[in-house]
Amino acid sequence: MWQLWLSGLIGIWFIISPWVYGFGSSTGATLNSIILGAIVLILAVWLLVQKKNKS
């Protein structure tokens, strides 16, 4: 269960990292980071919901 929470935090980190590391002005890198972070975050939340529904 903690792995899913960690995955969610990693997804959030991917989303905010372009501005933390200063490459927010690079459109391609920023979009890549945001899209990857959103996918990771959505999958983590979806799996958390699935796991809670089974319990």
N, C-alpha and C. Protein backbone atom coordinates (compact mmCIF):
# COMPACT_ATOMS: atom_id res chain seq x y z
N MET A 1 0.82 -1.19 0.00
CA MET A 1 0.00 0.00 0.00
C MET A 1 0.88 1.27 0.00
N TRP A 2 1.97 1.25 0.77
CA TRP A 2 2.83 2.43 0.83
C TRP A 2 3.47 2.70 -0.52
N GLN A 3 3.64 1.64 -1.34
CA GLN A 3 4.24 1.84 -2.66
C GLN A 3 3.35 2.69 -3.55
N LEU A 4 2.04 2.54 -3.41
CA LEU A 4 1.11 3.33 -4.21
C LEU A 4 1.14 4.79 -3.79
N TRP A 5 1.25 5.04 -2.48
CA TRP A 5 1.36 6.42 -2.01
C TRP A 5 2.66 7.05 -2.51
N LEU A 6 3.75 6.27 -2.48
CA LEU A 6 5.02 6.77 -2.97
C LEU A 6 4.96 7.05 -4.47
N SER A 7 4.28 6.19 -5.22
CA SER A 7 4.11 6.43 -6.65
C SER A 7 3.33 7.71 -6.91
N GLY A 8 2.32 7.96 -6.11
CA GLY A 8 1.56 9.21 -6.24
C GLY A 8 2.42 10.43 -5.98
N LEU A 9 3.27 10.35 -4.96
CA LEU A 9 4.17 11.46 -4.67
C LEU A 9 5.20 11.66 -5.79
N ILE A 10 5.66 10.57 -6.38
CA ILE A 10 6.59 10.68 -7.50
C ILE A 10 5.89 11.33 -8.70
N GLY A 11 4.63 10.99 -8.92
CA GLY A 11 3.88 11.63 -9.99
C GLY A 11 3.75 13.13 -9.78
N ILE A 12 3.46 13.52 -8.54
CA ILE A 12 3.38 14.95 -8.22
C ILE A 12 4.74 15.62 -8.42
N TRP A 13 5.80 14.93 -8.02
CA TRP A 13 7.14 15.48 -8.19
C TRP A 13 7.45 15.69 -9.68
N PHE A 14 7.10 14.75 -10.53
CA PHE A 14 7.31 14.91 -11.97
C PHE A 14 6.56 16.13 -12.49
N ILE A 15 5.38 16.37 -11.98
CA ILE A 15 4.57 17.50 -12.45
C ILE A 15 5.20 18.84 -12.05
N ILE A 16 5.72 18.94 -10.84
CA ILE A 16 6.26 20.23 -10.40
C ILE A 16 7.76 20.39 -10.68
N SER A 17 8.45 19.33 -11.06
CA SER A 17 9.90 19.40 -11.22
C SER A 17 10.40 20.39 -12.27
N PRO A 18 9.68 20.66 -13.37
CA PRO A 18 10.23 21.65 -14.32
C PRO A 18 10.46 23.01 -13.68
N TRP A 19 9.61 23.41 -12.76
CA TRP A 19 9.77 24.71 -12.12
C TRP A 19 10.75 24.65 -10.95
N VAL A 20 10.85 23.50 -10.31
CA VAL A 20 11.80 23.35 -9.21
C VAL A 20 13.23 23.37 -9.77
N TYR A 21 13.45 22.67 -10.88
CA TYR A 21 14.79 22.59 -11.46
C TYR A 21 15.07 23.66 -12.50
N GLY A 22 14.10 24.50 -12.82
CA GLY A 22 14.33 25.64 -13.68
C GLY A 22 14.29 25.37 -15.17
N PHE A 23 13.67 24.28 -15.61
CA PHE A 23 13.55 24.06 -17.04
C PHE A 23 12.10 24.22 -17.52
N GLY A 24 11.34 25.03 -16.79
CA GLY A 24 9.95 25.30 -17.14
C GLY A 24 9.79 26.04 -18.45
N SER A 25 10.83 26.71 -18.90
CA SER A 25 10.73 27.46 -20.15
C SER A 25 10.94 26.56 -21.38
N SER A 26 11.44 25.36 -21.16
CA SER A 26 11.62 24.40 -22.26
C SER A 26 10.32 23.62 -22.45
N THR A 27 9.60 23.96 -23.51
CA THR A 27 8.26 23.43 -23.71
C THR A 27 8.23 21.90 -23.79
N GLY A 28 9.12 21.32 -24.57
CA GLY A 28 9.11 19.87 -24.74
C GLY A 28 9.39 19.12 -23.46
N ALA A 29 10.41 19.55 -22.74
CA ALA A 29 10.76 18.88 -21.48
C ALA A 29 9.66 19.06 -20.43
N THR A 30 9.08 20.25 -20.41
CA THR A 30 8.01 20.52 -19.45
C THR A 30 6.78 19.65 -19.73
N LEU A 31 6.38 19.60 -21.00
CA LEU A 31 5.22 18.77 -21.35
C LEU A 31 5.48 17.30 -21.06
N ASN A 32 6.67 16.84 -21.37
CA ASN A 32 7.03 15.45 -21.09
C ASN A 32 6.92 15.15 -19.60
N SER A 33 7.45 16.02 -18.79
CA SER A 33 7.42 15.82 -17.34
C SER A 33 5.99 15.86 -16.80
N ILE A 34 5.19 16.80 -17.29
CA ILE A 34 3.80 16.92 -16.81
C ILE A 34 2.98 15.71 -17.24
N ILE A 35 3.12 15.29 -18.48
CA ILE A 35 2.34 14.15 -18.97
C ILE A 35 2.73 12.87 -18.24
N LEU A 36 4.03 12.64 -18.09
CA LEU A 36 4.48 11.45 -17.37
C LEU A 36 4.01 11.48 -15.92
N GLY A 37 4.13 12.64 -15.28
CA GLY A 37 3.68 12.77 -13.89
C GLY A 37 2.19 12.53 -13.74
N ALA A 38 1.41 13.05 -14.70
CA ALA A 38 -0.04 12.85 -14.65
C ALA A 38 -0.39 11.37 -14.81
N ILE A 39 0.30 10.69 -15.71
CA ILE A 39 0.03 9.26 -15.91
C ILE A 39 0.36 8.47 -14.65
N VAL A 40 1.51 8.75 -14.06
CA VAL A 40 1.91 8.04 -12.84
C VAL A 40 0.92 8.33 -11.70
N LEU A 41 0.54 9.59 -11.55
CA LEU A 41 -0.39 9.97 -10.49
C LEU A 41 -1.76 9.35 -10.69
N ILE A 42 -2.27 9.38 -11.90
CA ILE A 42 -3.59 8.79 -12.19
C ILE A 42 -3.58 7.29 -11.93
N LEU A 43 -2.54 6.61 -12.38
CA LEU A 43 -2.46 5.16 -12.15
C LEU A 43 -2.34 4.84 -10.66
N ALA A 44 -1.58 5.62 -9.91
CA ALA A 44 -1.45 5.37 -8.48
C ALA A 44 -2.78 5.56 -7.76
N VAL A 45 -3.49 6.63 -8.10
CA VAL A 45 -4.80 6.87 -7.48
C VAL A 45 -5.79 5.78 -7.87
N TRP A 46 -5.78 5.41 -9.14
CA TRP A 46 -6.69 4.36 -9.61
C TRP A 46 -6.43 3.04 -8.89
N LEU A 47 -5.16 2.68 -8.74
CA LEU A 47 -4.84 1.44 -8.04
C LEU A 47 -5.19 1.52 -6.55
N LEU A 48 -5.01 2.68 -5.94
CA LEU A 48 -5.43 2.84 -4.54
C LEU A 48 -6.93 2.63 -4.38
N VAL A 49 -7.70 3.19 -5.29
CA VAL A 49 -9.16 3.04 -5.24
C VAL A 49 -9.53 1.57 -5.44
N GLN A 50 -8.89 0.91 -6.40
CA GLN A 50 -9.17 -0.51 -6.64
C GLN A 50 -8.84 -1.35 -5.41
N LYS A 51 -7.72 -1.05 -4.78
CA LYS A 51 -7.31 -1.82 -3.60
C LYS A 51 -8.27 -1.61 -2.44
N LYS A 52 -8.75 -0.37 -2.26
CA LYS A 52 -9.68 -0.09 -1.16
C LYS A 52 -11.05 -0.72 -1.44
N ASN A 53 -11.45 -0.81 -2.69
CA ASN A 53 -12.74 -1.44 -3.03
C ASN A 53 -12.72 -2.95 -2.77
N LYS A 54 -11.56 -3.57 -2.90
CA LYS A 54 -11.45 -5.02 -2.67
C LYS A 54 -11.46 -5.36 -1.18
N SER A 55 -11.05 -4.41 -0.36
CA SER A 55 -10.97 -4.70 1.08
C SER A 55 -12.31 -4.70 1.74
